[in-house]
C-alpha atoms as a PDB file:
ATOM      1  CA  MET A   1      87.433  86.526 107.344  1.00  0.00           C
ATOM      2  CA  GLY A   2      90.384  88.852 106.739  1.00  0.00           C
ATOM      3  CA  LEU A   3      91.985  89.910 103.475  1.00  0.00           C
ATOM      4  CA  ALA A   4      94.752  87.308 103.825  1.00  0.00           C
ATOM      5  CA  ASP A   5      92.127  84.550 104.046  1.00  0.00           C
ATOM      6  CA  GLN A   6      90.609  85.399 100.655  1.00  0.00           C
ATOM      7  CA  GLN A   7      91.613  83.660  97.432  1.00  0.00           C
ATOM      8  CA  CYS A   8      92.894  85.702  94.510  1.00  0.00           C
ATOM      9  CA  VAL A   9      90.676  85.573  91.441  1.00  0.00           C
ATOM     10  CA  PRO A  10      92.555  85.579  88.121  1.00  0.00           C
ATOM     11  CA  CYS A  11      91.665  88.614  86.036  1.00  0.00           C
ATOM     12  CA  ARG A  12      90.893  87.930  82.402  1.00  0.00           C
ATOM     13  CA  GLY A  13      90.555  91.608  81.564  1.00  0.00           C
ATOM     14  CA  GLY A  14      87.385  93.472  80.758  1.00  0.00           C
ATOM     15  CA  VAL A  15      86.849  94.721  84.320  1.00  0.00           C
ATOM     16  CA  LEU A  16      87.384  98.209  85.628  1.00  0.00           C
ATOM     17  CA  PRO A  17      90.044  98.975  88.232  1.00  0.00           C
ATOM     18  CA  LEU A  18      88.753  99.637  91.729  1.00  0.00           C
ATOM     19  CA  PRO A  19      87.447 103.144  92.376  1.00  0.00           C
ATOM     20  CA  ARG A  20      89.516 105.450  94.584  1.00  0.00           C
ATOM     21  CA  GLU A  21      87.125 105.119  97.559  1.00  0.00           C
ATOM     22  CA  ARG A  22      87.396 101.305  97.575  1.00  0.00           C
ATOM     23  CA  ILE A  23      91.195 101.494  97.284  1.00  0.00           C
ATOM     24  CA  LYS A  24      91.339 103.855 100.236  1.00  0.00           C
ATOM     25  CA  ALA A  25      89.137 101.549 102.334  1.00  0.00           C
ATOM     26  CA  LEU A  26      91.185  98.453 101.481  1.00  0.00           C
ATOM     27  CA  LEU A  27      94.474 100.261 102.170  1.00  0.00           C
ATOM     28  CA  GLY A  28      93.124 100.890 105.652  1.00  0.00           C
ATOM     29  CA  GLU A  29      92.663  97.143 106.140  1.00  0.00           C
ATOM     30  CA  LEU A  30      96.282  96.323 105.240  1.00  0.00           C
ATOM     31  CA  GLY A  31      99.160  96.428 107.675  1.00  0.00           C
ATOM     32  CA  SER A  32     101.207  99.576 107.973  1.00  0.00           C
ATOM     33  CA  GLY A  33     103.778 100.261 105.310  1.00  0.00           C
ATOM     34  CA  TRP A  34     101.593  99.770 102.245  1.00  0.00           C
ATOM     35  CA  ALA A  35     101.151 102.760  99.952  1.00  0.00           C
ATOM     36  CA  LEU A  36     100.363 103.553  96.352  1.00  0.00           C
ATOM     37  CA  ASN A  37     103.335 104.429  94.185  1.00  0.00           C
ATOM     38  CA  ALA A  38     103.265 106.969  91.350  1.00  0.00           C
ATOM     39  CA  ALA A  39     101.897 104.321  88.956  1.00  0.00           C
ATOM     40  CA  GLY A  40      99.016 103.487  91.315  1.00  0.00           C
ATOM     41  CA  HIS A  41     100.462 100.112  92.328  1.00  0.00           C
ATOM     42  CA  LEU A  42     100.531  98.777  95.879  1.00  0.00           C
ATOM     43  CA  LEU A  43     104.054  98.930  97.267  1.00  0.00           C
ATOM     44  CA  ARG A  44     105.677  97.932 100.532  1.00  0.00           C
ATOM     45  CA  SER A  45     109.297  97.381 101.503  1.00  0.00           C
ATOM     46  CA  TYR A  46     110.163  94.802 104.168  1.00  0.00           C
ATOM     47  CA  GLU A  47     113.455  94.984 106.069  1.00  0.00           C
ATOM     48  CA  PHE A  48     115.735  92.099 107.042  1.00  0.00           C
ATOM     49  CA  ARG A  49     119.052  91.632 108.808  1.00  0.00           C
ATOM     50  CA  ASP A  50     120.801  90.449 105.674  1.00  0.00           C
ATOM     51  CA  PHE A  51     120.441  89.410 102.050  1.00  0.00           C
ATOM     52  CA  ALA A  52     119.631  85.796 102.966  1.00  0.00           C
ATOM     53  CA  GLY A  53     116.552  86.887 104.940  1.00  0.00           C
ATOM     54  CA  ALA A  54     115.354  89.088 102.090  1.00  0.00           C
ATOM     55  CA  ILE A  55     115.742  86.379  99.462  1.00  0.00           C
ATOM     56  CA  GLU A  56     114.090  83.774 101.705  1.00  0.00           C
ATOM     57  CA  PHE A  57     111.094  86.081 102.090  1.00  0.00           C
ATOM     58  CA  ALA A  58     111.002  86.729  98.328  1.00  0.00           C
ATOM     59  CA  ASN A  59     110.887  82.961  97.790  1.00  0.00           C
ATOM     60  CA  ARG A  60     108.023  82.605 100.279  1.00  0.00           C
ATOM     61  CA  VAL A  61     106.047  85.363  98.575  1.00  0.00           C
ATOM     62  CA  GLY A  62     106.852  83.765  95.212  1.00  0.00           C
ATOM     63  CA  ALA A  63     105.412  80.443  96.385  1.00  0.00           C
ATOM     64  CA  ILE A  64     102.239  82.207  97.569  1.00  0.00           C
ATOM     65  CA  ALA A  65     101.983  84.031  94.245  1.00  0.00           C
ATOM     66  CA  GLU A  66     102.270  80.770  92.306  1.00  0.00           C
ATOM     67  CA  GLN A  67      99.616  79.137  94.479  1.00  0.00           C
ATOM     68  CA  GLN A  68      97.292  82.130  94.012  1.00  0.00           C
ATOM     69  CA  GLY A  69      98.037  82.620  90.311  1.00  0.00           C
ATOM     70  CA  HIS A  70      98.726  86.302  90.984  1.00  0.00           C
ATOM     71  CA  HIS A  71     102.287  87.559  90.603  1.00  0.00           C
ATOM     72  CA  PRO A  72     103.849  90.677  92.144  1.00  0.00           C
ATOM     73  CA  ASP A  73     107.088  92.341  91.170  1.00  0.00           C
ATOM     74  CA  LEU A  74     109.693  91.612  93.842  1.00  0.00           C
ATOM     75  CA  HIS A  75     112.630  93.952  94.357  1.00  0.00           C
ATOM     76  CA  VAL A  76     115.341  92.238  96.415  1.00  0.00           C
ATOM     77  CA  GLY A  77     118.434  93.920  97.785  1.00  0.00           C
ATOM     78  CA  TRP A  78     120.689  93.571 100.785  1.00  0.00           C
ATOM     79  CA  GLY A  79     118.435  93.647 103.842  1.00  0.00           C
ATOM     80  CA  ARG A  80     115.220  94.483 102.009  1.00  0.00           C
ATOM     81  CA  CYS A  81     112.531  93.090  99.766  1.00  0.00           C
ATOM     82  CA  GLY A  82     110.038  95.349  98.043  1.00  0.00           C
ATOM     83  CA  VAL A  83     106.689  93.909  96.956  1.00  0.00           C
ATOM     84  CA  GLU A  84     104.850  95.751  94.170  1.00  0.00           C
ATOM     85  CA  ILE A  85     101.366  94.539  93.282  1.00  0.00           C
ATOM     86  CA  TRP A  86      98.816  95.446  90.630  1.00  0.00           C
ATOM     87  CA  THR A  87      96.655  93.598  88.141  1.00  0.00           C
ATOM     88  CA  HIS A  88      98.603  93.636  84.897  1.00  0.00           C
ATOM     89  CA  LYS A  89      95.616  92.831  82.634  1.00  0.00           C
ATOM     90  CA  ILE A  90      93.830  96.063  83.569  1.00  0.00           C
ATOM     91  CA  ASP A  91      96.842  98.118  84.690  1.00  0.00           C
ATOM     92  CA  GLY A  92      95.032  98.899  87.912  1.00  0.00           C
ATOM     93  CA  LEU A  93      94.015  97.461  91.261  1.00  0.00           C
ATOM     94  CA  THR A  94      91.463  94.756  92.053  1.00  0.00           C
ATOM     95  CA  ASP A  95      90.424  93.196  95.347  1.00  0.00           C
ATOM     96  CA  SER A  96      92.858  90.342  94.643  1.00  0.00           C
ATOM     97  CA  ASP A  97      95.788  92.761  94.806  1.00  0.00           C
ATOM     98  CA  PHE A  98      94.874  93.557  98.390  1.00  0.00           C
ATOM     99  CA  TYR A  99      94.433  89.860  99.200  1.00  0.00           C
ATOM    100  CA  LEU A 100      97.955  89.173  97.944  1.00  0.00           C
ATOM    101  CA  ALA A 101      99.352  92.135  99.890  1.00  0.00           C
ATOM    102  CA  ALA A 102      97.790  90.787 103.093  1.00  0.00           C
ATOM    103  CA  LYS A 103      99.211  87.335 102.344  1.00  0.00           C
ATOM    104  CA  ALA A 104     102.692  88.897 102.000  1.00  0.00           C
ATOM    105  CA  ASP A 105     102.229  90.588 105.383  1.00  0.00           C
ATOM    106  CA  ARG A 106     101.214  87.258 106.892  1.00  0.00           C
ATOM    107  CA  ALA A 107     104.297  85.567 105.411  1.00  0.00           C
ATOM    108  CA  PHE A 108     106.464  88.295 106.953  1.00  0.00           C
ATOM    109  CA  THR A 109     105.002  87.884 110.436  1.00  0.00           C
ATOM    110  CA  GLU A 110     104.684  84.075 110.513  1.00  0.00           C
ATOM    111  CA  PRO A 111     107.481  82.166 112.189  1.00  0.00           C
ATOM    112  CA  ARG A 112     109.809  80.578 109.660  1.00  0.00           C
END
């Protein structure tokens, strides 16, 4: 079972962020393009032919986020949509962040 097949688990706080070694291992399981930004959040930018494609993708990721109860920051512009993921309650990364990232990758590659 891959990362995209896992269900996000809502964080209620009181857990530690993933250790660096686990983050590194999980990053290796994600598709190319994912990286950690300066704040330690997962970040990937997807490219599209136009604004309509970018906003359609943002809406698809938004629907997945609602279903999973785990909400990324989406940065939409002409021809691009950035997805920034972290667990707000602990200001760090959990396994669920990687599950959501893989689900975004799946939404990008699935036929519309």
